[in-house]
């Protein structure tokens, strides 16, 4: 019997994923974090990006987009708390592309009364969503 770890990915609205995994990858602020069962306890922030979960008995990873949040790792339990979490196959490419375009325009138009940090955060989230969509599309070709 192989060793597994339970993972919960929770958004502000709902539980997005709850189940056993053999391995998981999270978008850490300083780079990707690969977590195996029995990992040393860890509490860290994650940035917008794709969570990849190796679900037992499946060849492909389960992909979940997160808008950032907190990652807590315990030897037998991993918890992700995110403001927004969406299964990759539920992401809307047109909506993400439009959000990216709006954020880029806001950053270019420095004369406008904008919150620079908000525009940068919106751009990072849109880019991360588009990357998740690209990973999903590449996987199915």
N, C-alpha and C. Protein backbone atom coordinates (compact mmCIF):
# COMPACT_ATOMS: atom_id res chain seq x y z
N UNK A 1 0.84 -1.18 0.00
CA UNK A 1 0.00 0.00 0.00
C UNK A 1 0.88 1.24 0.00
N UNK A 2 0.60 2.17 -0.91
CA UNK A 2 1.42 3.37 -0.98
C UNK A 2 0.95 4.40 0.04
N UNK A 3 1.85 5.29 0.39
CA UNK A 3 1.55 6.33 1.37
C UNK A 3 0.92 7.50 0.62
N UNK A 4 -0.14 8.05 1.20
CA UNK A 4 -0.85 9.15 0.57
C UNK A 4 -1.07 10.26 1.59
N UNK A 5 -1.43 11.42 1.07
CA UNK A 5 -1.74 12.55 1.92
C UNK A 5 -3.11 13.09 1.49
N UNK A 6 -3.90 13.52 2.46
CA UNK A 6 -5.21 14.09 2.17
C UNK A 6 -5.04 15.58 1.85
N UNK A 7 -5.71 16.05 0.80
CA UNK A 7 -5.63 17.46 0.41
C UNK A 7 -7.04 18.05 0.37
N UNK A 8 -7.20 19.23 0.97
CA UNK A 8 -8.43 20.01 0.87
C UNK A 8 -8.08 21.35 0.23
N UNK A 9 -8.77 21.69 -0.86
CA UNK A 9 -8.64 23.01 -1.48
C UNK A 9 -9.98 23.70 -1.29
N UNK A 10 -9.96 24.80 -0.55
CA UNK A 10 -11.18 25.48 -0.16
C UNK A 10 -11.15 26.94 -0.63
N UNK A 11 -12.24 27.37 -1.26
CA UNK A 11 -12.37 28.78 -1.61
C UNK A 11 -13.29 29.44 -0.59
N UNK A 12 -13.50 30.73 -0.74
CA UNK A 12 -14.41 31.43 0.17
C UNK A 12 -15.84 30.92 0.02
N UNK A 13 -16.17 30.34 -1.15
CA UNK A 13 -17.53 29.89 -1.41
C UNK A 13 -17.76 28.41 -1.15
N UNK A 14 -16.75 27.56 -1.42
CA UNK A 14 -17.00 26.13 -1.37
C UNK A 14 -15.72 25.30 -1.29
N UNK A 15 -15.91 24.03 -0.99
CA UNK A 15 -14.82 23.06 -1.02
C UNK A 15 -14.65 22.64 -2.49
N UNK A 16 -13.48 22.88 -3.06
CA UNK A 16 -13.23 22.60 -4.47
C UNK A 16 -12.69 21.19 -4.68
N UNK A 17 -11.80 20.77 -3.80
CA UNK A 17 -11.22 19.43 -3.90
C UNK A 17 -10.99 18.90 -2.49
N UNK A 18 -11.32 17.63 -2.31
CA UNK A 18 -11.03 16.95 -1.05
C UNK A 18 -10.77 15.50 -1.39
N UNK A 19 -9.54 15.06 -1.17
CA UNK A 19 -9.23 13.68 -1.47
C UNK A 19 -7.77 13.34 -1.24
N UNK A 20 -7.44 12.09 -1.50
CA UNK A 20 -6.09 11.57 -1.33
C UNK A 20 -5.24 11.89 -2.56
N UNK A 21 -3.97 12.19 -2.32
CA UNK A 21 -3.03 12.40 -3.41
C UNK A 21 -1.71 11.69 -3.09
N UNK A 22 -0.99 11.39 -4.16
CA UNK A 22 0.35 10.82 -4.02
C UNK A 22 1.41 11.93 -3.95
N UNK A 23 1.07 13.09 -4.55
CA UNK A 23 2.01 14.19 -4.69
C UNK A 23 1.20 15.42 -5.05
N UNK A 24 1.64 16.60 -4.62
CA UNK A 24 0.94 17.84 -4.95
C UNK A 24 1.95 18.96 -5.19
N UNK A 25 1.61 19.87 -6.10
CA UNK A 25 2.47 21.01 -6.43
C UNK A 25 1.65 22.28 -6.25
N UNK A 26 2.23 23.27 -5.56
CA UNK A 26 1.54 24.52 -5.25
C UNK A 26 2.37 25.71 -5.73
N UNK A 27 1.70 26.82 -6.13
CA UNK A 27 2.42 28.01 -6.60
C UNK A 27 2.91 28.87 -5.44
N UNK A 28 4.06 28.54 -4.90
CA UNK A 28 4.61 29.31 -3.79
C UNK A 28 5.09 30.67 -4.24
N UNK A 29 5.23 31.57 -3.32
CA UNK A 29 5.67 32.93 -3.66
C UNK A 29 7.10 32.96 -4.21
N UNK A 30 7.92 32.02 -3.79
CA UNK A 30 9.31 31.99 -4.27
C UNK A 30 9.54 30.88 -5.29
N UNK A 31 8.46 30.28 -5.79
CA UNK A 31 8.57 29.19 -6.76
C UNK A 31 7.63 28.06 -6.38
N UNK A 32 7.58 27.05 -7.22
CA UNK A 32 6.68 25.93 -6.97
C UNK A 32 7.12 25.10 -5.76
N UNK A 33 6.12 24.62 -5.02
CA UNK A 33 6.37 23.77 -3.86
C UNK A 33 5.82 22.38 -4.16
N UNK A 34 6.69 21.38 -4.20
CA UNK A 34 6.27 20.00 -4.38
C UNK A 34 6.18 19.33 -3.02
N UNK A 35 5.02 18.75 -2.73
CA UNK A 35 4.78 18.17 -1.41
C UNK A 35 4.42 16.69 -1.54
N UNK A 36 5.16 15.86 -0.85
CA UNK A 36 4.88 14.43 -0.75
C UNK A 36 4.25 14.13 0.61
N UNK A 37 3.62 12.96 0.77
CA UNK A 37 3.13 12.57 2.10
C UNK A 37 4.26 12.61 3.13
N UNK A 38 3.90 12.88 4.36
CA UNK A 38 4.83 12.96 5.50
C UNK A 38 5.79 14.15 5.41
N UNK A 39 5.40 15.17 4.68
CA UNK A 39 6.23 16.37 4.57
C UNK A 39 6.31 17.06 5.93
N UNK A 40 7.38 17.74 6.17
CA UNK A 40 7.56 18.54 7.39
C UNK A 40 6.46 19.61 7.44
N UNK A 41 5.89 19.88 8.60
CA UNK A 41 4.86 20.92 8.70
C UNK A 41 5.36 22.26 8.14
N UNK A 42 4.43 22.96 7.48
CA UNK A 42 4.77 24.19 6.77
C UNK A 42 3.52 25.06 6.70
N UNK A 43 3.69 26.36 6.87
CA UNK A 43 2.62 27.33 6.69
C UNK A 43 3.21 28.45 5.86
N UNK A 44 2.60 28.71 4.68
CA UNK A 44 3.14 29.73 3.79
C UNK A 44 2.04 30.31 2.92
N UNK A 45 2.32 31.47 2.34
CA UNK A 45 1.39 32.06 1.38
C UNK A 45 1.68 31.47 0.01
N UNK A 46 0.64 31.40 -0.80
CA UNK A 46 0.80 31.00 -2.19
C UNK A 46 0.30 32.13 -3.08
N UNK A 47 0.82 32.19 -4.29
CA UNK A 47 0.45 33.24 -5.23
C UNK A 47 -0.57 32.68 -6.24
N UNK A 48 -1.16 33.55 -7.05
CA UNK A 48 -2.08 33.05 -8.07
C UNK A 48 -1.38 32.05 -8.98
N UNK A 49 -2.05 30.95 -9.26
CA UNK A 49 -1.47 29.94 -10.12
C UNK A 49 -2.24 28.64 -10.08
N UNK A 50 -1.58 27.60 -10.55
CA UNK A 50 -2.22 26.30 -10.68
C UNK A 50 -1.72 25.33 -9.62
N UNK A 51 -2.65 24.72 -8.92
CA UNK A 51 -2.35 23.62 -8.00
C UNK A 51 -2.47 22.35 -8.82
N UNK A 52 -1.45 21.49 -8.73
CA UNK A 52 -1.47 20.21 -9.45
C UNK A 52 -1.49 19.09 -8.43
N UNK A 53 -2.50 18.23 -8.55
CA UNK A 53 -2.70 17.15 -7.59
C UNK A 53 -2.62 15.81 -8.29
N UNK A 54 -1.70 14.95 -7.86
CA UNK A 54 -1.57 13.60 -8.43
C UNK A 54 -2.51 12.69 -7.66
N UNK A 55 -3.67 12.47 -8.26
CA UNK A 55 -4.70 11.63 -7.63
C UNK A 55 -4.36 10.17 -7.92
N UNK A 56 -4.45 9.29 -6.91
CA UNK A 56 -4.13 7.87 -7.11
C UNK A 56 -4.97 7.26 -8.25
N UNK A 57 -4.34 6.34 -8.97
CA UNK A 57 -4.99 5.60 -10.04
C UNK A 57 -5.45 6.46 -11.21
N UNK A 58 -4.89 7.66 -11.37
CA UNK A 58 -5.18 8.50 -12.53
C UNK A 58 -3.86 8.94 -13.13
N UNK A 59 -3.77 8.93 -14.45
CA UNK A 59 -2.53 9.30 -15.13
C UNK A 59 -2.31 10.82 -15.11
N UNK A 60 -3.39 11.59 -15.23
CA UNK A 60 -3.27 13.03 -15.33
C UNK A 60 -3.48 13.69 -13.97
N UNK A 61 -2.83 14.83 -13.78
CA UNK A 61 -3.00 15.61 -12.56
C UNK A 61 -4.36 16.29 -12.57
N UNK A 62 -4.93 16.45 -11.39
CA UNK A 62 -6.11 17.31 -11.20
C UNK A 62 -5.56 18.73 -11.09
N UNK A 63 -6.10 19.65 -11.90
CA UNK A 63 -5.62 21.02 -11.91
C UNK A 63 -6.67 21.94 -11.30
N UNK A 64 -6.23 22.82 -10.40
CA UNK A 64 -7.12 23.78 -9.76
C UNK A 64 -6.42 25.13 -9.78
N UNK A 65 -7.11 26.16 -10.32
CA UNK A 65 -6.59 27.52 -10.28
C UNK A 65 -6.91 28.12 -8.91
N UNK A 66 -5.92 28.77 -8.28
CA UNK A 66 -6.15 29.51 -7.04
C UNK A 66 -5.68 30.95 -7.23
N UNK A 67 -6.39 31.87 -6.59
CA UNK A 67 -6.05 33.29 -6.71
C UNK A 67 -4.98 33.71 -5.73
N UNK A 68 -4.39 32.75 -5.06
CA UNK A 68 -3.46 33.03 -3.97
C UNK A 68 -4.11 32.57 -2.69
N UNK A 69 -3.43 32.71 -1.59
CA UNK A 69 -4.01 32.30 -0.31
C UNK A 69 -2.97 31.73 0.62
N UNK A 70 -3.41 30.79 1.44
CA UNK A 70 -2.53 30.17 2.42
C UNK A 70 -2.46 28.67 2.20
N UNK A 71 -1.28 28.12 2.42
CA UNK A 71 -1.04 26.68 2.32
C UNK A 71 -0.55 26.20 3.68
N UNK A 72 -1.25 25.21 4.23
CA UNK A 72 -0.81 24.57 5.47
C UNK A 72 -0.52 23.11 5.16
N UNK A 73 0.68 22.68 5.51
CA UNK A 73 1.10 21.30 5.28
C UNK A 73 1.35 20.64 6.63
N UNK A 74 0.70 19.50 6.82
CA UNK A 74 0.95 18.62 7.95
C UNK A 74 1.32 17.26 7.36
N UNK A 75 1.95 16.38 8.10
CA UNK A 75 2.39 15.10 7.52
C UNK A 75 1.29 14.30 6.81
N UNK A 76 0.05 14.37 7.29
CA UNK A 76 -1.04 13.59 6.68
C UNK A 76 -2.16 14.45 6.11
N UNK A 77 -2.00 15.79 6.13
CA UNK A 77 -3.06 16.68 5.66
C UNK A 77 -2.47 17.96 5.08
N UNK A 78 -2.95 18.32 3.89
CA UNK A 78 -2.58 19.58 3.26
C UNK A 78 -3.86 20.38 3.07
N UNK A 79 -3.84 21.65 3.47
CA UNK A 79 -5.01 22.50 3.32
C UNK A 79 -4.62 23.77 2.57
N UNK A 80 -5.40 24.10 1.54
CA UNK A 80 -5.24 25.35 0.81
C UNK A 80 -6.48 26.18 1.07
N UNK A 81 -6.28 27.40 1.57
CA UNK A 81 -7.37 28.35 1.77
C UNK A 81 -7.16 29.49 0.78
N UNK A 82 -8.08 29.62 -0.18
CA UNK A 82 -7.94 30.63 -1.22
C UNK A 82 -9.22 31.46 -1.31
N UNK A 83 -9.08 32.74 -1.64
CA UNK A 83 -10.27 33.56 -1.88
C UNK A 83 -11.07 32.99 -3.04
N UNK A 84 -10.34 32.61 -4.10
CA UNK A 84 -10.97 32.03 -5.28
C UNK A 84 -10.22 30.77 -5.64
N UNK A 85 -10.96 29.70 -5.90
CA UNK A 85 -10.39 28.45 -6.39
C UNK A 85 -11.38 27.89 -7.41
N UNK A 86 -10.85 27.53 -8.59
CA UNK A 86 -11.70 27.06 -9.68
C UNK A 86 -11.02 25.87 -10.33
N UNK A 87 -11.75 24.79 -10.54
CA UNK A 87 -11.19 23.66 -11.28
C UNK A 87 -10.80 24.16 -12.67
N UNK A 88 -9.66 23.75 -13.16
CA UNK A 88 -9.12 24.27 -14.42
C UNK A 88 -10.11 24.14 -15.56
N UNK A 89 -10.85 23.04 -15.63
CA UNK A 89 -11.77 22.86 -16.75
C UNK A 89 -12.99 23.79 -16.66
N UNK A 90 -13.16 24.49 -15.54
CA UNK A 90 -14.27 25.45 -15.39
C UNK A 90 -13.84 26.89 -15.66
N UNK A 91 -12.56 27.12 -15.95
CA UNK A 91 -12.08 28.47 -16.22
C UNK A 91 -12.61 28.97 -17.57
N UNK A 92 -12.87 30.26 -17.65
CA UNK A 92 -13.38 30.90 -18.86
C UNK A 92 -12.24 31.68 -19.51
N UNK A 93 -11.75 31.19 -20.64
CA UNK A 93 -10.60 31.81 -21.30
C UNK A 93 -10.90 33.23 -21.77
N UNK A 94 -12.07 33.46 -22.35
CA UNK A 94 -12.41 34.79 -22.84
C UNK A 94 -12.46 35.80 -21.70
N UNK A 95 -13.03 35.38 -20.58
CA UNK A 95 -13.12 36.26 -19.42
C UNK A 95 -11.73 36.57 -18.86
N UNK A 96 -10.87 35.57 -18.79
CA UNK A 96 -9.50 35.78 -18.29
C UNK A 96 -8.71 36.68 -19.22
N UNK A 97 -8.87 36.50 -20.54
CA UNK A 97 -8.17 37.34 -21.52
C UNK A 97 -8.62 38.79 -21.39
N UNK A 98 -9.91 39.01 -21.23
CA UNK A 98 -10.43 40.36 -21.07
C UNK A 98 -9.94 41.00 -19.78
N UNK A 99 -9.88 40.25 -18.70
CA UNK A 99 -9.37 40.77 -17.43
C UNK A 99 -7.90 41.15 -17.55
N UNK A 100 -7.13 40.33 -18.25
CA UNK A 100 -5.71 40.63 -18.47
C UNK A 100 -5.56 41.92 -19.27
N UNK A 101 -6.36 42.06 -20.30
CA UNK A 101 -6.30 43.26 -21.15
C UNK A 101 -6.65 44.51 -20.34
N UNK A 102 -7.70 44.44 -19.52
CA UNK A 102 -8.09 45.60 -18.69
C UNK A 102 -6.99 45.97 -17.70
N UNK A 103 -6.39 44.97 -17.07
CA UNK A 103 -5.33 45.24 -16.09
C UNK A 103 -4.11 45.86 -16.77
N UNK A 104 -3.74 45.34 -17.95
CA UNK A 104 -2.59 45.91 -18.68
C UNK A 104 -2.87 47.35 -19.08
N UNK A 105 -4.09 47.65 -19.52
CA UNK A 105 -4.45 49.02 -19.90
C UNK A 105 -4.39 49.94 -18.68
N UNK A 106 -4.86 49.47 -17.54
CA UNK A 106 -4.84 50.27 -16.32
C UNK A 106 -3.40 50.58 -15.90
N UNK A 107 -2.51 49.61 -16.08
CA UNK A 107 -1.11 49.83 -15.72
C UNK A 107 -0.42 50.79 -16.69
N UNK A 108 -0.81 50.75 -17.95
CA UNK A 108 -0.22 51.67 -18.95
C UNK A 108 -0.71 53.09 -18.75
N UNK A 109 -1.96 53.26 -18.36
CA UNK A 109 -2.59 54.57 -18.21
C UNK A 109 -2.33 55.11 -16.81
N UNK A 110 -1.11 55.53 -16.56
CA UNK A 110 -0.71 55.98 -15.21
C UNK A 110 -1.41 57.29 -14.81
N UNK A 111 -1.97 58.01 -15.78
CA UNK A 111 -2.66 59.26 -15.45
C UNK A 111 -4.01 58.99 -14.80
N UNK A 112 -4.54 57.82 -15.04
CA UNK A 112 -5.84 57.48 -14.46
C UNK A 112 -5.71 57.31 -12.95
N UNK A 113 -6.82 57.48 -12.28
CA UNK A 113 -6.84 57.32 -10.83
C UNK A 113 -7.03 55.83 -10.52
N UNK A 114 -5.91 55.09 -10.50
CA UNK A 114 -5.99 53.64 -10.27
C UNK A 114 -5.15 53.26 -9.06
N UNK A 115 -5.49 52.15 -8.52
CA UNK A 115 -4.70 51.57 -7.45
C UNK A 115 -3.71 50.62 -8.12
N UNK A 116 -2.45 50.97 -8.14
CA UNK A 116 -1.42 50.20 -8.82
C UNK A 116 -1.35 48.77 -8.31
N UNK A 117 -1.41 48.57 -7.02
CA UNK A 117 -1.35 47.23 -6.44
C UNK A 117 -2.53 46.38 -6.89
N UNK A 118 -3.71 46.97 -6.96
CA UNK A 118 -4.90 46.24 -7.40
C UNK A 118 -4.75 45.83 -8.86
N UNK A 119 -4.30 46.74 -9.71
CA UNK A 119 -4.12 46.43 -11.13
C UNK A 119 -3.08 45.32 -11.32
N UNK A 120 -1.98 45.38 -10.57
CA UNK A 120 -0.96 44.34 -10.67
C UNK A 120 -1.49 42.98 -10.20
N UNK A 121 -2.28 42.98 -9.13
CA UNK A 121 -2.86 41.73 -8.63
C UNK A 121 -3.85 41.15 -9.64
N UNK A 122 -4.67 42.00 -10.25
CA UNK A 122 -5.61 41.53 -11.26
C UNK A 122 -4.89 40.96 -12.47
N UNK A 123 -3.78 41.60 -12.87
CA UNK A 123 -2.99 41.09 -13.98
C UNK A 123 -2.40 39.73 -13.64
N UNK A 124 -1.83 39.58 -12.44
CA UNK A 124 -1.24 38.30 -12.03
C UNK A 124 -2.29 37.19 -12.02
N UNK A 125 -3.49 37.50 -11.55
CA UNK A 125 -4.54 36.49 -11.51
C UNK A 125 -4.98 36.09 -12.91
N UNK A 126 -5.13 37.07 -13.81
CA UNK A 126 -5.54 36.76 -15.18
C UNK A 126 -4.49 35.92 -15.89
N UNK A 127 -3.22 36.27 -15.72
CA UNK A 127 -2.14 35.50 -16.35
C UNK A 127 -2.11 34.08 -15.79
N UNK A 128 -2.29 33.93 -14.49
CA UNK A 128 -2.29 32.60 -13.88
C UNK A 128 -3.47 31.77 -14.39
N UNK A 129 -4.62 32.38 -14.57
CA UNK A 129 -5.77 31.65 -15.12
C UNK A 129 -5.49 31.19 -16.54
N UNK A 130 -4.91 32.06 -17.35
CA UNK A 130 -4.60 31.69 -18.74
C UNK A 130 -3.55 30.58 -18.78
N UNK A 131 -2.59 30.59 -17.87
CA UNK A 131 -1.61 29.51 -17.81
C UNK A 131 -2.26 28.19 -17.43
N UNK A 132 -3.21 28.23 -16.50
CA UNK A 132 -3.93 27.01 -16.12
C UNK A 132 -4.72 26.46 -17.31
N UNK A 133 -5.36 27.34 -18.05
CA UNK A 133 -6.10 26.92 -19.24
C UNK A 133 -5.15 26.31 -20.26
N UNK A 134 -3.99 26.93 -20.44
CA UNK A 134 -3.00 26.41 -21.39
C UNK A 134 -2.52 25.01 -20.97
N UNK A 135 -2.25 24.82 -19.68
CA UNK A 135 -1.83 23.50 -19.19
C UNK A 135 -2.91 22.47 -19.45
N UNK A 136 -4.14 22.82 -19.22
CA UNK A 136 -5.26 21.89 -19.44
C UNK A 136 -5.39 21.57 -20.92
N UNK A 137 -5.29 22.58 -21.77
CA UNK A 137 -5.42 22.37 -23.22
C UNK A 137 -4.28 21.50 -23.75
N UNK A 138 -3.05 21.76 -23.31
CA UNK A 138 -1.89 20.99 -23.74
C UNK A 138 -2.03 19.53 -23.36
N UNK A 139 -2.59 19.29 -22.21
CA UNK A 139 -2.78 17.95 -21.70
C UNK A 139 -3.76 17.15 -22.56
N UNK A 140 -4.72 17.82 -23.17
CA UNK A 140 -5.77 17.13 -23.93
C UNK A 140 -5.49 17.10 -25.43
N UNK A 141 -4.31 17.49 -25.85
CA UNK A 141 -3.99 17.43 -27.29
C UNK A 141 -3.26 16.17 -27.63
